[in-house]
Amino acid sequence: MSRTRGLRRVRKRLSIPLLLSATLLIYTMLAPAPRLITEKAAPTTDARIPDSYALNVSVNDFNEEGILLGSTQAQGLRRFPREGIVELDEPTRRNYSDDGEWFASARSGQLREKTEVLILEREVRLQYANDKLQFLTDSMIINIPKQAARSTSSVRIWQADNETVAQQIYINLQKQVASLSGSVRTVYVPDS
């Protein structure tokens, strides 16, 4: 009897690992093949759709006394209220002061609604109307409430035949004062 009990114990010990191995083998053979993630199975996100569109838009800015401080125009406008931005196509910006008018234009722009900051990009031109002074840069930020503009991109400034190139510029549009910084180089052509 003791011999029979010993065989049963050995069979029980061997049967559990064999049973588990057999079950695992059967499962792997019958289980479906793993599926690779394809473009259709990958999660998709909603397209970035603006809240509103507008064409040929013009907005004027006034101070508390009702004096016109400036105006912003654009050929096209897309508003994204969740992001707090307005994208502009071919934007132009005019700033008025007692001394004259600044005019800025670009290929594209973005208005940050909360801070009233206008970001101009691609072929940005800024011109002081009374002096025919022009600035050309790749990007410029105009803080509308502060009446200030700055560019951290290289800026070309020219008036008649004279040209200045600077790494950065800050302009107080109200006081008509421009400050150049970084490497500044000027070519001056005297009148003949």
C-alpha atoms as a PDB file:
ATOM      1  CA  MET A   1       0.000   0.000   0.000  1.00  0.00           C
ATOM      2  CA  SER A   2       2.728   2.359   0.723  1.00  0.00           C
ATOM      3  CA  ARG A   3       4.067   1.833  -2.735  1.00  0.00           C
ATOM      4  CA  THR A   4       0.687   2.744  -4.302  1.00  0.00           C
ATOM      5  CA  ARG A   5       0.473   5.899  -2.219  1.00  0.00           C
ATOM      6  CA  GLY A   6       3.968   6.904  -3.311  1.00  0.00           C
ATOM      7  CA  LEU A   7       3.041   6.476  -7.001  1.00  0.00           C
ATOM      8  CA  ARG A   8      -0.103   8.522  -6.554  1.00  0.00           C
ATOM      9  CA  ARG A   9       1.911  11.331  -4.971  1.00  0.00           C
ATOM     10  CA  VAL A  10       4.432  11.283  -7.834  1.00  0.00           C
ATOM     11  CA  ARG A  11       1.590  11.247 -10.401  1.00  0.00           C
ATOM     12  CA  LYS A  12      -0.088  14.203  -8.659  1.00  0.00           C
ATOM     13  CA  ARG A  13       3.205  16.117  -8.634  1.00  0.00           C
ATOM     14  CA  LEU A  14       3.857  15.380 -12.291  1.00  0.00           C
ATOM     15  CA  SER A  15       0.275  15.850 -13.435  1.00  0.00           C
ATOM     16  CA  ILE A  16      -0.078  19.479 -12.234  1.00  0.00           C
ATOM     17  CA  PRO A  17       2.937  20.823 -14.225  1.00  0.00           C
ATOM     18  CA  LEU A  18       1.951  18.668 -17.211  1.00  0.00           C
ATOM     19  CA  LEU A  19      -1.633  19.870 -17.018  1.00  0.00           C
ATOM     20  CA  LEU A  20      -0.537  23.532 -16.842  1.00  0.00           C
ATOM     21  CA  SER A  21       1.870  23.091 -19.775  1.00  0.00           C
ATOM     22  CA  ALA A  22      -0.804  21.388 -21.876  1.00  0.00           C
ATOM     23  CA  THR A  23      -3.340  24.110 -21.070  1.00  0.00           C
ATOM     24  CA  LEU A  24      -0.872  26.853 -22.027  1.00  0.00           C
ATOM     25  CA  LEU A  25      -0.018  25.073 -25.285  1.00  0.00           C
ATOM     26  CA  ILE A  26      -3.693  24.687 -26.231  1.00  0.00           C
ATOM     27  CA  TYR A  27      -4.418  28.350 -25.355  1.00  0.00           C
ATOM     28  CA  THR A  28      -1.565  29.670 -27.503  1.00  0.00           C
ATOM     29  CA  MET A  29      -2.662  27.537 -30.438  1.00  0.00           C
ATOM     30  CA  LEU A  30      -6.338  28.551 -30.230  1.00  0.00           C
ATOM     31  CA  ALA A  31      -5.921  32.208 -29.189  1.00  0.00           C
ATOM     32  CA  PRO A  32      -6.322  34.805 -31.938  1.00  0.00           C
ATOM     33  CA  ALA A  33      -3.142  36.230 -33.429  1.00  0.00           C
ATOM     34  CA  PRO A  34      -2.107  39.595 -31.952  1.00  0.00           C
ATOM     35  CA  ARG A  35      -3.317  42.534 -34.052  1.00  0.00           C
ATOM     36  CA  LEU A  36      -0.957  45.310 -35.004  1.00  0.00           C
ATOM     37  CA  ILE A  37      -2.193  48.843 -34.479  1.00  0.00           C
ATOM     38  CA  THR A  38      -3.064  50.390 -37.797  1.00  0.00           C
ATOM     39  CA  GLU A  39      -3.998  53.971 -38.655  1.00  0.00           C
ATOM     40  CA  LYS A  40      -7.674  53.092 -38.423  1.00  0.00           C
ATOM     41  CA  ALA A  41      -7.300  51.517 -34.995  1.00  0.00           C
ATOM     42  CA  ALA A  42      -5.171  54.370 -33.585  1.00  0.00           C
ATOM     43  CA  PRO A  43      -7.063  57.004 -31.610  1.00  0.00           C
ATOM     44  CA  THR A  44      -7.941  60.107 -33.586  1.00  0.00           C
ATOM     45  CA  THR A  45      -8.287  63.692 -32.413  1.00  0.00           C
ATOM     46  CA  ASP A  46     -10.779  66.271 -33.574  1.00  0.00           C
ATOM     47  CA  ALA A  47      -9.591  68.648 -36.271  1.00  0.00           C
ATOM     48  CA  ARG A  48      -8.746  72.166 -35.157  1.00  0.00           C
ATOM     49  CA  ILE A  49     -11.894  73.996 -36.240  1.00  0.00           C
ATOM     50  CA  PRO A  50     -12.313  77.709 -35.602  1.00  0.00           C
ATOM     51  CA  ASP A  51     -15.355  79.100 -33.825  1.00  0.00           C
ATOM     52  CA  SER A  52     -15.852  81.775 -36.499  1.00  0.00           C
ATOM     53  CA  TYR A  53     -14.482  83.046 -39.811  1.00  0.00           C
ATOM     54  CA  ALA A  54     -14.505  86.528 -41.291  1.00  0.00           C
ATOM     55  CA  LEU A  55     -13.203  88.202 -44.429  1.00  0.00           C
ATOM     56  CA  ASN A  56     -11.998  91.805 -44.860  1.00  0.00           C
ATOM     57  CA  VAL A  57     -12.111  92.712 -41.172  1.00  0.00           C
ATOM     58  CA  SER A  58     -11.272  96.055 -39.549  1.00  0.00           C
ATOM     59  CA  VAL A  59     -11.219  96.856 -35.803  1.00  0.00           C
ATOM     60  CA  ASN A  60     -10.464 100.284 -34.258  1.00  0.00           C
ATOM     61  CA  ASP A  61      -8.998 100.950 -30.785  1.00  0.00           C
ATOM     62  CA  PHE A  62      -9.984 104.012 -28.749  1.00  0.00           C
ATOM     63  CA  ASN A  63      -8.839 105.347 -25.394  1.00  0.00           C
ATOM     64  CA  GLU A  64     -11.170 106.426 -22.558  1.00  0.00           C
ATOM     65  CA  GLU A  65     -11.631 109.885 -24.111  1.00  0.00           C
ATOM     66  CA  GLY A  66     -12.696 108.379 -27.437  1.00  0.00           C
ATOM     67  CA  ILE A  67      -9.463 109.224 -29.279  1.00  0.00           C
ATOM     68  CA  LEU A  68      -8.484 106.761 -32.011  1.00  0.00           C
ATOM     69  CA  LEU A  69      -5.265 104.973 -30.970  1.00  0.00           C
ATOM     70  CA  GLY A  70      -5.015 102.429 -33.734  1.00  0.00           C
ATOM     71  CA  SER A  71      -6.690  99.976 -36.063  1.00  0.00           C
ATOM     72  CA  THR A  72      -6.124  96.384 -37.152  1.00  0.00           C
ATOM     73  CA  GLN A  73      -7.236  95.013 -40.512  1.00  0.00           C
ATOM     74  CA  ALA A  74      -6.977  91.558 -42.059  1.00  0.00           C
ATOM     75  CA  GLN A  75      -8.073  89.878 -45.272  1.00  0.00           C
ATOM     76  CA  GLY A  76      -9.074  86.771 -43.341  1.00  0.00           C
ATOM     77  CA  LEU A  77      -9.729  85.900 -39.712  1.00  0.00           C
ATOM     78  CA  ARG A  78     -10.215  82.608 -37.834  1.00  0.00           C
ATOM     79  CA  ARG A  79     -11.145  82.717 -34.132  1.00  0.00           C
ATOM     80  CA  PHE A  80     -10.272  79.902 -31.695  1.00  0.00           C
ATOM     81  CA  PRO A  81     -11.883  80.919 -28.375  1.00  0.00           C
ATOM     82  CA  ARG A  82     -10.668  77.885 -26.401  1.00  0.00           C
ATOM     83  CA  GLU A  83      -7.084  78.844 -27.231  1.00  0.00           C
ATOM     84  CA  GLY A  84      -7.779  82.565 -26.870  1.00  0.00           C
ATOM     85  CA  ILE A  85      -6.276  83.398 -30.257  1.00  0.00           C
ATOM     86  CA  VAL A  86      -7.391  84.872 -33.553  1.00  0.00           C
ATOM     87  CA  GLU A  87      -5.399  83.880 -36.651  1.00  0.00           C
ATOM     88  CA  LEU A  88      -5.071  86.613 -39.282  1.00  0.00           C
ATOM     89  CA  ASP A  89      -4.275  86.510 -43.003  1.00  0.00           C
ATOM     90  CA  GLU A  90      -2.438  89.539 -44.443  1.00  0.00           C
ATOM     91  CA  PRO A  91      -2.835  91.617 -41.257  1.00  0.00           C
ATOM     92  CA  THR A  92      -2.082  95.330 -41.081  1.00  0.00           C
ATOM     93  CA  ARG A  93      -1.849  97.460 -37.957  1.00  0.00           C
ATOM     94  CA  ARG A  94      -1.908 101.265 -37.665  1.00  0.00           C
ATOM     95  CA  ASN A  95      -0.911 103.090 -34.479  1.00  0.00           C
ATOM     96  CA  TYR A  96      -1.693 106.795 -34.191  1.00  0.00           C
ATOM     97  CA  SER A  97      -0.054 109.384 -31.964  1.00  0.00           C
ATOM     98  CA  ASP A  98       0.263 113.185 -31.866  1.00  0.00           C
ATOM     99  CA  ASP A  99       3.540 112.935 -33.788  1.00  0.00           C
ATOM    100  CA  GLY A 100       2.404 110.658 -36.587  1.00  0.00           C
ATOM    101  CA  GLU A 101       1.384 107.195 -37.647  1.00  0.00           C
ATOM    102  CA  TRP A 102       3.062 103.795 -37.617  1.00  0.00           C
ATOM    103  CA  PHE A 103       1.919 101.232 -40.172  1.00  0.00           C
ATOM    104  CA  ALA A 104       2.754  97.504 -39.871  1.00  0.00           C
ATOM    105  CA  SER A 105       1.965  94.699 -42.314  1.00  0.00           C
ATOM    106  CA  ALA A 106       2.757  90.980 -42.555  1.00  0.00           C
ATOM    107  CA  ARG A 107       1.791  87.799 -44.386  1.00  0.00           C
ATOM    108  CA  SER A 108       0.247  86.193 -41.287  1.00  0.00           C
ATOM    109  CA  GLY A 109      -0.471  87.041 -37.705  1.00  0.00           C
ATOM    110  CA  GLN A 110      -2.056  86.035 -34.464  1.00  0.00           C
ATOM    111  CA  LEU A 111      -3.945  88.135 -31.955  1.00  0.00           C
ATOM    112  CA  ARG A 112      -3.881  86.973 -28.332  1.00  0.00           C
ATOM    113  CA  GLU A 113      -7.317  88.054 -27.125  1.00  0.00           C
ATOM    114  CA  LYS A 114      -6.621  88.105 -23.390  1.00  0.00           C
ATOM    115  CA  THR A 115      -3.462  90.238 -23.521  1.00  0.00           C
ATOM    116  CA  GLU A 116      -4.236  92.132 -26.766  1.00  0.00           C
ATOM    117  CA  VAL A 117      -0.846  91.216 -28.180  1.00  0.00           C
ATOM    118  CA  LEU A 118      -0.532  91.037 -31.966  1.00  0.00           C
ATOM    119  CA  ILE A 119       2.139  88.697 -33.330  1.00  0.00           C
ATOM    120  CA  LEU A 120       3.116  89.403 -36.925  1.00  0.00           C
ATOM    121  CA  GLU A 121       5.068  86.839 -38.968  1.00  0.00           C
ATOM    122  CA  ARG A 122       6.604  86.485 -42.436  1.00  0.00           C
ATOM    123  CA  GLU A 123       7.726  89.576 -44.315  1.00  0.00           C
ATOM    124  CA  VAL A 124       6.889  91.996 -41.521  1.00  0.00           C
ATOM    125  CA  ARG A 125       7.129  95.661 -42.517  1.00  0.00           C
ATOM    126  CA  LEU A 126       6.849  98.530 -40.089  1.00  0.00           C
ATOM    127  CA  GLN A 127       6.886 102.065 -41.447  1.00  0.00           C
ATOM    128  CA  TYR A 128       6.769 105.469 -39.844  1.00  0.00           C
ATOM    129  CA  ALA A 129       4.553 107.514 -42.189  1.00  0.00           C
ATOM    130  CA  ASN A 130       5.958 111.020 -41.607  1.00  0.00           C
ATOM    131  CA  ASP A 131       9.619 110.101 -42.044  1.00  0.00           C
ATOM    132  CA  LYS A 132       9.432 107.283 -44.642  1.00  0.00           C
ATOM    133  CA  LEU A 133      11.470 105.187 -42.242  1.00  0.00           C
ATOM    134  CA  GLN A 134      10.970 101.422 -42.819  1.00  0.00           C
ATOM    135  CA  PHE A 135      11.743  98.294 -40.789  1.00  0.00           C
ATOM    136  CA  LEU A 136      11.779  94.760 -42.234  1.00  0.00           C
ATOM    137  CA  THR A 137      11.941  91.592 -40.104  1.00  0.00           C
ATOM    138  CA  ASP A 138      10.642  88.001 -39.923  1.00  0.00           C
ATOM    139  CA  SER A 139       8.517  88.439 -36.811  1.00  0.00           C
ATOM    140  CA  MET A 140       7.320  91.251 -34.569  1.00  0.00           C
ATOM    141  CA  ILE A 141       5.222  91.473 -31.420  1.00  0.00           C
ATOM    142  CA  ILE A 142       2.980  94.508 -30.944  1.00  0.00           C
ATOM    143  CA  ASN A 143       1.542  95.082 -27.477  1.00  0.00           C
ATOM    144  CA  ILE A 144      -1.569  97.103 -28.345  1.00  0.00           C
ATOM    145  CA  PRO A 145      -2.394  98.458 -24.833  1.00  0.00           C
ATOM    146  CA  LYS A 146       1.220  99.528 -24.221  1.00  0.00           C
ATOM    147  CA  GLN A 147       1.658 100.884 -27.786  1.00  0.00           C
ATOM    148  CA  ALA A 148       4.995  99.072 -28.065  1.00  0.00           C
ATOM    149  CA  ALA A 149       6.571  96.784 -30.650  1.00  0.00           C
ATOM    150  CA  ARG A 150       9.567  94.495 -30.455  1.00  0.00           C
ATOM    151  CA  SER A 151      11.388  92.002 -32.602  1.00  0.00           C
ATOM    152  CA  THR A 152      14.034  89.517 -31.532  1.00  0.00           C
ATOM    153  CA  SER A 153      14.683  88.589 -35.162  1.00  0.00           C
ATOM    154  CA  SER A 154      17.203  90.409 -37.305  1.00  0.00           C
ATOM    155  CA  VAL A 155      15.830  93.795 -38.407  1.00  0.00           C
ATOM    156  CA  ARG A 156      16.718  95.860 -41.479  1.00  0.00           C
ATOM    157  CA  ILE A 157      16.022  99.565 -41.188  1.00  0.00           C
ATOM    158  CA  TRP A 158      16.328 101.888 -44.114  1.00  0.00           C
ATOM    159  CA  GLN A 159      15.642 105.476 -44.996  1.00  0.00           C
ATOM    160  CA  ALA A 160      16.532 106.737 -48.461  1.00  0.00           C
ATOM    161  CA  ASP A 161      19.939 105.108 -49.253  1.00  0.00           C
ATOM    162  CA  ASN A 162      20.926 104.539 -45.614  1.00  0.00           C
ATOM    163  CA  GLU A 163      20.574 101.082 -44.082  1.00  0.00           C
ATOM    164  CA  THR A 164      20.964  99.707 -40.546  1.00  0.00           C
ATOM    165  CA  VAL A 165      20.858  96.041 -39.530  1.00  0.00           C
ATOM    166  CA  ALA A 166      20.273  95.093 -35.883  1.00  0.00           C
ATOM    167  CA  GLN A 167      19.716  91.832 -34.016  1.00  0.00           C
ATOM    168  CA  GLN A 168      16.788  93.181 -31.978  1.00  0.00           C
ATOM    169  CA  ILE A 169      14.589  96.244 -31.789  1.00  0.00           C
ATOM    170  CA  TYR A 170      12.131  97.765 -29.338  1.00  0.00           C
ATOM    171  CA  ILE A 171       9.864 100.616 -30.450  1.00  0.00           C
ATOM    172  CA  ASN A 172       7.726 102.853 -28.268  1.00  0.00           C
ATOM    173  CA  LEU A 173       5.028 103.606 -30.842  1.00  0.00           C
ATOM    174  CA  GLN A 174       3.491 106.392 -28.748  1.00  0.00           C
ATOM    175  CA  LYS A 175       6.743 108.334 -28.281  1.00  0.00           C
ATOM    176  CA  GLN A 176       8.191 107.419 -31.712  1.00  0.00           C
ATOM    177  CA  VAL A 177      11.404 106.041 -30.148  1.00  0.00           C
ATOM    178  CA  ALA A 178      13.257 102.959 -31.426  1.00  0.00           C
ATOM    179  CA  SER A 179      15.996 101.175 -29.452  1.00  0.00           C
ATOM    180  CA  LEU A 180      18.364  98.801 -31.233  1.00  0.00           C
ATOM    181  CA  SER A 181      20.305  96.061 -29.446  1.00  0.00           C
ATOM    182  CA  GLY A 182      22.688  93.241 -30.183  1.00  0.00           C
ATOM    183  CA  SER A 183      25.022  93.599 -33.122  1.00  0.00           C
ATOM    184  CA  VAL A 184      24.172  96.819 -34.985  1.00  0.00           C
ATOM    185  CA  ARG A 185      25.679  97.744 -38.370  1.00  0.00           C
ATOM    186  CA  THR A 186      24.935 100.915 -40.362  1.00  0.00           C
ATOM    187  CA  VAL A 187      25.706 101.946 -43.922  1.00  0.00           C
ATOM    188  CA  TYR A 188      25.352 105.689 -44.309  1.00  0.00           C
ATOM    189  CA  VAL A 189      25.329 107.310 -47.735  1.00  0.00           C
ATOM    190  CA  PRO A 190      25.869 111.088 -47.509  1.00  0.00           C
ATOM    191  CA  ASP A 191      23.900 113.408 -49.769  1.00  0.00           C
ATOM    192  CA  SER A 192      25.926 114.526 -52.803  1.00  0.00           C
END
